[in-house]
Amino acid sequence: MFRAGAIAIFGVVYFFICVVTVGTHMPAGLFVPSMTIGACLGRLFAIFTNTYVKIPLGLNTIDPGPWATIGAAAFLSGSARLTVTVAVI
């Protein structure tokens, strides 16, 4: 399992690489980069929720894996103007 700092750095660097790639006017897909950035954001959300909410209150922690999937679907839906149903399928 990666640390939150490593995931955040990867997500930011990948985002800027995606921005440069889109700006080159060459055929480059946005499907996989959108899902990768969304997965980073979803996993970071779960890690920060565990660290700052669940553990201090003594509650059960959540698994970051499903939240990465939810983040990927949500980011893809928002960036490609898809409904969430189409992104999940």
Protein backbone atom coordinates (compact mmCIF):
# COMPACT_ATOMS: atom_id res chain seq x y z
CA MET A 1 0.00 0.00 0.00
CA PHE A 2 1.39 3.36 -0.98
CA ARG A 3 1.59 6.35 1.32
CA ALA A 4 -0.70 9.30 0.82
CA GLY A 5 2.16 11.60 -0.18
CA ALA A 6 3.30 9.28 -2.95
CA ILE A 7 -0.24 8.96 -4.31
CA ALA A 8 -0.72 12.75 -4.20
CA ILE A 9 2.55 13.40 -6.05
CA PHE A 10 1.69 10.77 -8.66
CA GLY A 11 -1.79 12.25 -9.17
CA VAL A 12 -0.51 15.82 -9.58
CA VAL A 13 2.30 14.83 -11.95
CA TYR A 14 -0.03 12.60 -13.98
CA PHE A 15 -2.58 15.43 -14.19
CA PHE A 16 -0.02 17.87 -15.61
CA ILE A 17 1.30 15.26 -18.04
CA CYS A 18 -2.30 14.71 -19.19
CA VAL A 19 -2.80 18.46 -19.66
CA VAL A 20 0.36 18.70 -21.79
CA THR A 21 -0.67 15.67 -23.84
CA VAL A 22 -4.13 17.08 -24.56
CA GLY A 23 -2.63 20.42 -25.56
CA THR A 24 -0.38 18.91 -28.24
CA HIS A 25 -3.28 18.36 -30.67
CA MET A 26 -2.24 14.79 -31.29
CA PRO A 27 -4.55 11.83 -30.93
CA ALA A 28 -4.32 10.93 -27.28
CA GLY A 29 -7.03 9.30 -25.23
CA LEU A 30 -8.45 10.78 -22.07
CA PHE A 31 -10.20 7.65 -20.87
CA VAL A 32 -7.34 6.01 -18.95
CA PRO A 33 -5.81 9.25 -17.62
CA SER A 34 -9.21 10.33 -16.30
CA MET A 35 -9.68 7.03 -14.53
CA THR A 36 -6.14 7.11 -13.11
CA ILE A 37 -6.49 10.63 -11.71
CA GLY A 38 -9.92 9.79 -10.27
CA ALA A 39 -8.55 6.64 -8.65
CA CYS A 40 -5.79 8.67 -7.02
CA LEU A 41 -8.34 11.16 -5.67
CA GLY A 42 -10.67 8.42 -4.40
CA ARG A 43 -7.86 6.56 -2.66
CA LEU A 44 -6.59 9.79 -1.08
CA PHE A 45 -10.11 10.52 0.16
CA ALA A 46 -10.28 7.12 1.85
CA ILE A 47 -6.82 7.46 3.38
CA PHE A 48 -7.56 10.91 4.78
CA THR A 49 -10.96 9.78 6.05
CA ASN A 50 -9.32 6.91 7.89
CA THR A 51 -6.53 9.08 9.26
CA TYR A 52 -8.49 12.11 10.42
CA VAL A 53 -12.02 10.83 11.08
CA LYS A 54 -12.30 7.09 11.61
CA ILE A 55 -9.19 6.28 13.67
CA PRO A 56 -9.40 9.29 16.08
CA LEU A 57 -13.05 8.51 16.80
CA GLY A 58 -12.37 4.79 17.27
CA LEU A 59 -14.58 3.73 14.36
CA ASN A 60 -13.91 0.92 11.89
CA THR A 61 -11.65 1.96 9.04
CA ILE A 62 -12.67 1.80 5.38
CA ASP A 63 -10.84 0.02 2.59
CA PRO A 64 -9.30 2.48 0.09
CA GLY A 65 -9.68 0.08 -2.87
CA PRO A 66 -13.42 0.52 -3.50
CA TRP A 67 -13.06 4.28 -3.01
CA ALA A 68 -10.44 4.31 -5.76
CA THR A 69 -12.97 2.67 -8.07
CA ILE A 70 -15.67 5.16 -7.09
CA GLY A 71 -13.27 8.06 -7.62
CA ALA A 72 -12.28 6.74 -11.04
CA ALA A 73 -15.92 6.45 -12.14
CA ALA A 74 -16.79 9.87 -10.74
CA PHE A 75 -13.84 11.66 -12.37
CA LEU A 76 -14.49 9.95 -15.70
CA SER A 77 -18.16 10.90 -15.51
CA GLY A 78 -17.36 14.52 -14.79
CA SER A 79 -14.61 14.97 -17.34
CA ALA A 80 -16.32 13.14 -20.20
CA ARG A 81 -19.87 14.35 -19.40
CA LEU A 82 -21.11 10.81 -18.98
CA THR A 83 -23.74 9.57 -16.62
CA VAL A 84 -22.36 7.55 -13.75
CA THR A 85 -24.18 4.46 -15.01
CA VAL A 86 -22.30 4.48 -18.30
CA ALA A 87 -18.95 5.03 -16.54
CA VAL A 88 -19.51 2.14 -14.14
CA ILE A 89 -20.61 -0.25 -16.85
